[in-house]
Amino acid sequence: MRGIEHIFGRREDWVDKGVRLIRGKRTAPARVRALNGVDLTLRKGEVLGIAGESGCGKSTLGRAMVGLMHPTGGSVTYRGQPVMRGRRPRHLKLQMIFQDSGSVLNPRLRVKELIGEGPILHGLLARRDLEDFVADQLETVGMAPDVMNRYPHQFSGGQRQRINIARVLALQPETIVCDESVAALDVSIQAQILNLFMDLKDRFGLTYAFISHDLGVLRHISDRIMVMYLGRVVEEGPAAEVFANPRHPYTRALLENAPRLSRRNQTFQAVPGEVPSPLNMPSGCAFHTRCALRRPECSLSVPNLIGSGAHRHACPIVEAAA
């Protein structure tokens, strides 16, 4: 049997520090552009709902907003200052709450250590005041102070999410990015956590960017909606206007298939076609391969957001027909 070196040549000739060599030709590694041309301003005191299906770039956007990911282009600023200092976040005022409440809590630490280590590390809390401080934080999120000596595995999913919220509040943030923060919870617990988010917003004057694929949740809590598809914003505007009068075909497809109590016998229709691979994006409008309104010109150029006032969308075909 001929060895691999006989077929492909020596190994050092076709593997070179992560750069693929195919039959002696050097090729650049494939890259996914998770976000492209996103221009976002988060206003103080608002709840911005960010919607879209899995893989559209919502979580990447959230991580870039708080400085957990460094953008390869463009800039992210908070109050006019860059969010990143080198490769690290520079603002404690920007915090993030994640979907999986269990995986972000160190199982070896007690609740009082989980909540108190951040403020102690950043000089916001003296160690001698730890227990009183943690007791206050737990009461703020609706939990009894006597649980501070327990470990994460001793709590339900909803309780762990409350601990996560308390841990973030301990750093005195002004803006919180919530990445599918209620998606893993039972519906009744979701309602409790959402009500807690809104109570905390009023109490502390918080600003939220709320990432979710659940349009019912976003309808309930959002002041403004931004809909994403394959790394781009396809529609944005006041929540009431977007839900009442969606303009982009993708937004319309999402809302037409959202479950509602008023449509008990609703028949769900999947959007035709499949989501294109982010490694091989279609030219022009990324949604044109699945859009019922598509025209030849849709594949020629990437549309910008258009429209009057605060409600904008990225479909010139709909705009021309209006």
Protein backbone atom coordinates (compact mmCIF):
# COMPACT_ATOMS: atom_id res chain seq x y z
CA MET A 1 0.00 0.00 0.00
CA ARG A 2 1.35 3.38 -0.92
CA GLY A 3 1.87 5.70 2.03
CA ILE A 4 0.40 9.15 2.40
CA GLU A 5 3.74 10.76 1.57
CA HIS A 6 3.77 8.95 -1.78
CA ILE A 7 0.32 10.32 -2.63
CA PHE A 8 0.49 13.83 -1.24
CA GLY A 9 4.21 14.41 -0.79
CA ARG A 10 5.91 15.08 2.53
CA ARG A 11 3.70 16.28 5.34
CA GLU A 12 5.62 19.53 5.72
CA ASP A 13 4.79 20.29 2.08
CA TRP A 14 1.02 20.30 2.59
CA VAL A 15 0.50 21.45 6.18
CA ASP A 16 1.85 24.85 7.09
CA LYS A 17 0.73 26.37 10.42
CA GLY A 18 -2.97 26.24 9.74
CA VAL A 19 -2.81 27.46 6.13
CA ARG A 20 -4.17 24.75 3.87
CA LEU A 21 -2.05 23.52 1.01
CA ILE A 22 -3.91 21.65 -1.71
CA ARG A 23 -1.65 19.97 -4.26
CA GLY A 24 1.08 22.48 -3.61
CA LYS A 25 -1.18 25.57 -3.80
CA ARG A 26 -1.46 27.79 -0.78
CA THR A 27 -5.09 28.75 -0.01
CA ALA A 28 -6.40 31.14 2.62
CA PRO A 29 -8.48 29.54 5.39
CA ALA A 30 -12.23 30.01 5.06
CA ARG A 31 -13.65 32.75 7.26
CA VAL A 32 -17.17 33.43 8.45
CA ARG A 33 -18.22 37.08 8.61
CA ALA A 34 -20.60 36.84 11.57
CA LEU A 35 -21.52 40.54 11.43
CA ASN A 36 -21.46 42.84 8.44
CA GLY A 37 -22.32 46.51 8.37
CA VAL A 38 -24.20 46.60 11.68
CA ASP A 39 -24.66 50.19 12.86
CA LEU A 40 -26.35 50.36 16.25
CA THR A 41 -26.94 53.04 18.86
CA LEU A 42 -28.35 51.92 22.19
CA ARG A 43 -30.29 54.69 23.91
CA LYS A 44 -30.22 55.20 27.66
CA GLY A 45 -33.15 53.60 29.47
CA GLU A 46 -34.53 51.65 26.52
CA VAL A 47 -35.03 47.94 25.93
CA LEU A 48 -33.71 47.00 22.50
CA GLY A 49 -34.95 43.62 21.29
CA ILE A 50 -32.61 41.82 18.87
CA ALA A 51 -34.39 39.08 16.91
CA GLY A 52 -33.41 36.50 14.34
CA GLU A 53 -32.91 32.78 13.88
CA SER A 54 -29.92 30.83 15.17
CA GLY A 55 -26.68 31.76 13.43
CA CYS A 56 -27.71 35.26 12.37
CA GLY A 57 -25.08 36.96 14.55
CA LYS A 58 -27.14 38.02 17.58
CA SER A 59 -24.83 36.58 20.21
CA THR A 60 -21.71 37.78 18.40
CA LEU A 61 -23.17 41.28 18.41
CA GLY A 62 -23.93 41.06 22.12
CA ARG A 63 -20.43 39.89 22.96
CA ALA A 64 -18.90 42.66 20.87
CA MET A 65 -21.09 45.23 22.63
CA VAL A 66 -19.70 44.36 26.08
CA GLY A 67 -16.13 43.80 24.91
CA LEU A 68 -15.98 40.01 25.10
CA MET A 69 -15.14 39.84 21.39
CA HIS A 70 -12.90 42.20 19.46
CA PRO A 71 -14.36 43.29 16.11
CA THR A 72 -12.11 42.86 13.10
CA GLY A 73 -13.43 46.12 11.68
CA GLY A 74 -15.33 49.15 12.87
CA SER A 75 -15.54 50.30 16.48
CA VAL A 76 -17.62 49.81 19.63
CA THR A 77 -17.85 52.76 22.01
CA TYR A 78 -19.59 53.52 25.29
CA ARG A 79 -20.19 57.16 26.16
CA GLY A 80 -17.71 58.08 23.45
CA GLN A 81 -14.92 55.84 24.76
CA PRO A 82 -13.77 52.53 23.20
CA VAL A 83 -15.24 49.49 24.91
CA MET A 84 -11.96 47.58 24.52
CA ARG A 85 -8.64 48.39 26.18
CA GLY A 86 -6.22 46.35 24.11
CA ARG A 87 -7.79 42.90 24.14
CA ARG A 88 -9.81 43.38 27.35
CA PRO A 89 -13.11 45.11 28.19
CA ARG A 90 -12.62 48.45 29.91
CA HIS A 91 -16.11 49.21 31.25
CA LEU A 92 -17.74 47.54 34.26
CA LYS A 93 -20.87 49.49 33.33
CA LEU A 94 -21.44 47.03 30.47
CA GLN A 95 -22.37 43.51 31.58
CA MET A 96 -23.87 40.39 30.01
CA ILE A 97 -26.25 37.67 31.20
CA PHE A 98 -26.01 34.39 29.30
CA GLN A 99 -28.53 31.72 28.36
CA ASP A 100 -27.11 28.72 30.21
CA SER A 101 -27.36 29.75 33.84
CA GLY A 102 -25.51 26.65 35.02
CA SER A 103 -22.40 26.68 32.85
CA VAL A 104 -21.40 30.25 33.77
CA LEU A 105 -21.43 29.54 37.53
CA ASN A 106 -18.29 27.92 38.92
CA PRO A 107 -19.56 24.72 40.61
CA ARG A 108 -16.74 24.88 43.19
CA LEU A 109 -17.79 28.29 44.55
CA ARG A 110 -20.57 29.14 46.98
CA VAL A 111 -23.16 31.76 46.08
CA LYS A 112 -21.55 34.42 48.24
CA GLU A 113 -18.25 33.92 46.41
CA LEU A 114 -19.92 33.94 42.99
CA ILE A 115 -21.64 37.25 43.71
CA GLY A 116 -18.90 38.90 45.74
CA GLU A 117 -15.68 38.03 43.91
CA GLY A 118 -16.23 40.59 41.12
CA PRO A 119 -16.86 43.60 43.38
CA ILE A 120 -13.92 42.62 45.61
CA LEU A 121 -11.60 42.18 42.61
CA HIS A 122 -12.52 45.60 41.20
CA GLY A 123 -12.34 47.42 44.53
CA LEU A 124 -16.08 48.01 44.89
CA LEU A 125 -16.39 45.97 48.08
CA ALA A 126 -14.31 45.30 51.17
CA ARG A 127 -14.08 41.61 52.08
CA ARG A 128 -15.34 42.28 55.60
CA ASP A 129 -18.65 43.49 54.12
CA LEU A 130 -19.11 40.47 51.86
CA GLU A 131 -21.98 38.70 53.62
CA ASP A 132 -24.10 41.83 54.15
CA PHE A 133 -23.54 42.86 50.55
CA VAL A 134 -24.47 39.44 49.15
CA ALA A 135 -27.58 39.32 51.35
CA ASP A 136 -28.73 42.64 49.86
CA GLN A 137 -28.09 41.42 46.30
CA LEU A 138 -30.01 38.19 46.87
CA GLU A 139 -33.00 40.07 48.31
CA THR A 140 -32.91 42.39 45.28
CA VAL A 141 -33.45 39.42 42.94
CA GLY A 142 -36.08 37.77 45.14
CA MET A 143 -34.00 35.16 46.95
CA ALA A 144 -33.50 34.53 50.67
CA PRO A 145 -30.10 35.57 52.06
CA ASP A 146 -29.62 32.23 53.82
CA VAL A 147 -28.84 30.51 50.51
CA MET A 148 -25.49 32.27 50.16
CA ASN A 149 -23.54 29.27 51.47
CA ARG A 150 -24.99 26.83 48.93
CA TYR A 151 -23.46 25.66 45.65
CA PRO A 152 -24.97 26.17 42.15
CA HIS A 153 -26.06 22.53 41.75
CA GLN A 154 -28.45 22.97 44.68
CA PHE A 155 -30.67 25.39 42.75
CA SER A 156 -33.21 25.16 39.95
CA GLY A 157 -32.64 26.82 36.58
CA GLY A 158 -34.72 29.85 37.51
CA GLN A 159 -32.88 30.28 40.81
CA ARG A 160 -29.51 30.02 39.08
CA GLN A 161 -30.56 32.72 36.65
CA ARG A 162 -31.49 34.96 39.59
CA ILE A 163 -28.01 34.35 41.00
CA ASN A 164 -26.54 35.34 37.63
CA ILE A 165 -28.59 38.53 37.67
CA ALA A 166 -27.43 39.30 41.23
CA ARG A 167 -23.82 38.68 40.20
CA VAL A 168 -24.15 41.19 37.35
CA LEU A 169 -25.95 43.78 39.49
CA ALA A 170 -23.14 43.54 42.06
CA LEU A 171 -20.88 45.36 39.57
CA GLN A 172 -23.29 48.31 39.37
CA PRO A 173 -23.86 48.21 35.59
CA GLU A 174 -25.77 50.75 33.54
CA THR A 175 -26.31 48.57 30.46
CA ILE A 176 -26.95 44.82 30.40
CA VAL A 177 -26.93 42.57 27.34
CA CYS A 178 -29.25 39.60 27.91
CA ASP A 179 -28.40 36.74 25.55
CA GLU A 180 -31.41 34.38 25.44
CA SER A 181 -31.57 34.80 29.21
CA VAL A 182 -34.96 33.10 29.61
CA ALA A 183 -34.87 30.63 26.70
CA ALA A 184 -33.89 27.63 28.83
CA LEU A 185 -36.58 28.22 31.47
CA ASP A 186 -40.14 26.95 31.84
CA VAL A 187 -42.78 29.38 30.62
CA SER A 188 -44.03 30.26 34.12
CA ILE A 189 -40.46 30.89 35.30
CA GLN A 190 -39.78 32.94 32.15
CA ALA A 191 -42.56 35.31 33.15
CA GLN A 192 -41.11 35.72 36.64
CA ILE A 193 -37.63 36.48 35.33
CA LEU A 194 -38.94 38.91 32.70
CA ASN A 195 -40.92 40.75 35.37
CA LEU A 196 -37.77 40.87 37.50
CA PHE A 197 -35.82 42.37 34.60
CA MET A 198 -38.40 45.10 34.17
CA ASP A 199 -38.59 45.82 37.91
CA LEU A 200 -34.80 46.18 38.04
CA LYS A 201 -34.87 48.45 35.01
CA ASP A 202 -37.24 50.84 36.77
CA ARG A 203 -35.42 50.61 40.09
CA PHE A 204 -31.87 51.15 38.83
CA GLY A 205 -32.46 52.97 35.54
CA LEU A 206 -30.97 50.14 33.50
CA THR A 207 -30.66 49.86 29.73
CA TYR A 208 -31.12 46.45 28.09
CA ALA A 209 -30.18 44.85 24.80
CA PHE A 210 -32.36 41.74 24.90
CA ILE A 211 -31.36 39.01 22.45
CA SER A 212 -34.02 36.39 21.72
CA HIS A 213 -35.53 34.23 19.00
CA ASP A 214 -38.85 34.34 20.90
CA LEU A 215 -40.89 37.13 19.34
CA GLY A 216 -43.51 36.87 22.07
CA VAL A 217 -40.91 37.75 24.68
CA LEU A 218 -39.60 40.67 22.62
CA ARG A 219 -43.12 41.97 21.99
CA HIS A 220 -43.71 42.01 25.74
CA ILE A 221 -40.60 43.88 26.88
CA SER A 222 -39.05 45.81 23.98
CA ASP A 223 -39.24 49.50 23.18
CA ARG A 224 -37.39 49.00 19.90
CA ILE A 225 -36.80 45.95 17.69
CA MET A 226 -33.87 45.05 15.45
CA VAL A 227 -34.24 42.02 13.15
CA MET A 228 -31.09 40.31 11.84
CA TYR A 229 -30.47 37.85 9.02
CA LEU A 230 -27.06 36.34 8.24
CA GLY A 231 -25.09 39.03 10.02
CA ARG A 232 -27.00 42.06 8.72
CA VAL A 233 -29.84 44.16 10.09
CA VAL A 234 -32.86 43.82 7.80
CA GLU A 235 -35.38 45.84 9.81
CA GLU A 236 -35.44 48.08 12.86
CA GLY A 237 -37.89 50.43 14.49
CA PRO A 238 -40.25 50.99 17.42
CA ALA A 239 -41.55 47.63 18.64
CA ALA A 240 -45.20 48.55 18.23
CA GLU A 241 -44.68 49.61 14.59
CA VAL A 242 -42.56 46.62 13.61
CA PHE A 243 -45.04 44.12 15.06
CA ALA A 244 -48.07 45.93 13.63
CA ASN A 245 -46.62 46.67 10.19
CA PRO A 246 -43.54 44.58 9.35
CA ARG A 247 -41.91 45.75 6.13
CA HIS A 248 -39.11 43.33 5.27
CA PRO A 249 -40.21 39.95 3.85
CA TYR A 250 -38.09 38.11 6.42
CA THR A 251 -39.70 39.95 9.33
CA ARG A 252 -43.12 39.22 7.85
CA ALA A 253 -42.29 35.52 7.60
CA LEU A 254 -41.17 35.43 11.24
CA LEU A 255 -44.28 37.16 12.53
CA GLU A 256 -46.69 35.14 10.38
CA ASN A 257 -45.36 31.97 11.99
CA ALA A 258 -45.22 33.22 15.57
CA PRO A 259 -47.69 31.28 17.79
CA ARG A 260 -50.63 33.35 19.05
CA LEU A 261 -53.59 32.52 21.23
CA SER A 262 -55.85 34.39 18.81
CA ARG A 263 -54.91 31.95 16.04
CA ARG A 264 -55.49 28.57 17.68
CA ASN A 265 -55.90 26.69 14.38
CA GLN A 266 -52.89 28.35 12.81
CA THR A 267 -51.02 26.41 10.14
CA PHE A 268 -47.31 27.09 10.18
CA GLN A 269 -45.46 27.51 6.89
CA ALA A 270 -41.69 27.24 6.82
CA VAL A 271 -39.79 29.87 4.89
CA PRO A 272 -38.95 28.17 1.56
CA GLY A 273 -35.39 27.13 0.89
CA GLU A 274 -32.51 26.85 3.33
CA VAL A 275 -30.36 29.43 5.06
CA PRO A 276 -27.29 29.99 2.85
CA SER A 277 -23.93 28.95 4.22
CA PRO A 278 -22.06 31.88 5.79
CA LEU A 279 -18.97 30.49 4.06
CA ASN A 280 -20.60 31.04 0.68
CA MET A 281 -22.91 34.02 0.98
CA PRO A 282 -25.16 34.85 -1.98
CA SER A 283 -24.55 38.10 -3.78
CA GLY A 284 -26.80 41.06 -3.15
CA CYS A 285 -29.55 40.67 -0.56
CA ALA A 286 -28.79 37.55 1.48
CA PHE A 287 -32.51 36.74 1.78
CA HIS A 288 -33.26 36.85 -1.95
CA THR A 289 -32.67 33.09 -2.34
CA ARG A 290 -35.72 32.44 -0.14
CA CYS A 291 -37.86 35.52 -0.80
CA ALA A 292 -41.21 35.33 -2.59
CA LEU A 293 -40.80 38.97 -3.73
CA ARG A 294 -37.35 38.57 -5.26
CA ARG A 295 -36.45 40.20 -8.56
CA PRO A 296 -33.29 39.94 -10.67
CA GLU A 297 -31.90 43.15 -9.20
CA CYS A 298 -32.03 41.69 -5.67
CA SER A 299 -28.88 39.70 -6.39
CA LEU A 300 -26.89 42.66 -7.71
CA SER A 301 -26.21 44.78 -4.62
CA VAL A 302 -26.61 44.67 -0.85
CA PRO A 303 -29.53 46.94 0.10
CA ASN A 304 -29.12 49.60 2.76
CA LEU A 305 -31.72 50.36 5.41
CA ILE A 306 -34.36 52.67 3.95
CA GLY A 307 -37.61 54.18 5.12
CA SER A 308 -38.94 57.27 6.79
CA GLY A 309 -38.61 58.04 10.49
CA ALA A 310 -37.39 55.51 13.01
CA HIS A 311 -38.86 52.49 11.19
CA ARG A 312 -36.37 51.33 8.54
CA HIS A 313 -35.92 48.16 6.51
CA ALA A 314 -33.63 46.72 3.84
CA CYS A 315 -36.05 45.87 1.02
CA PRO A 316 -36.31 48.37 -1.89
CA ILE A 317 -38.95 46.14 -3.55
CA VAL A 318 -41.36 46.64 -0.64
CA GLU A 319 -40.51 50.34 -0.46
CA ALA A 320 -41.26 50.83 -4.15
CA ALA A 321 -44.62 49.08 -3.82
CA ALA A 322 -45.67 51.13 -0.79
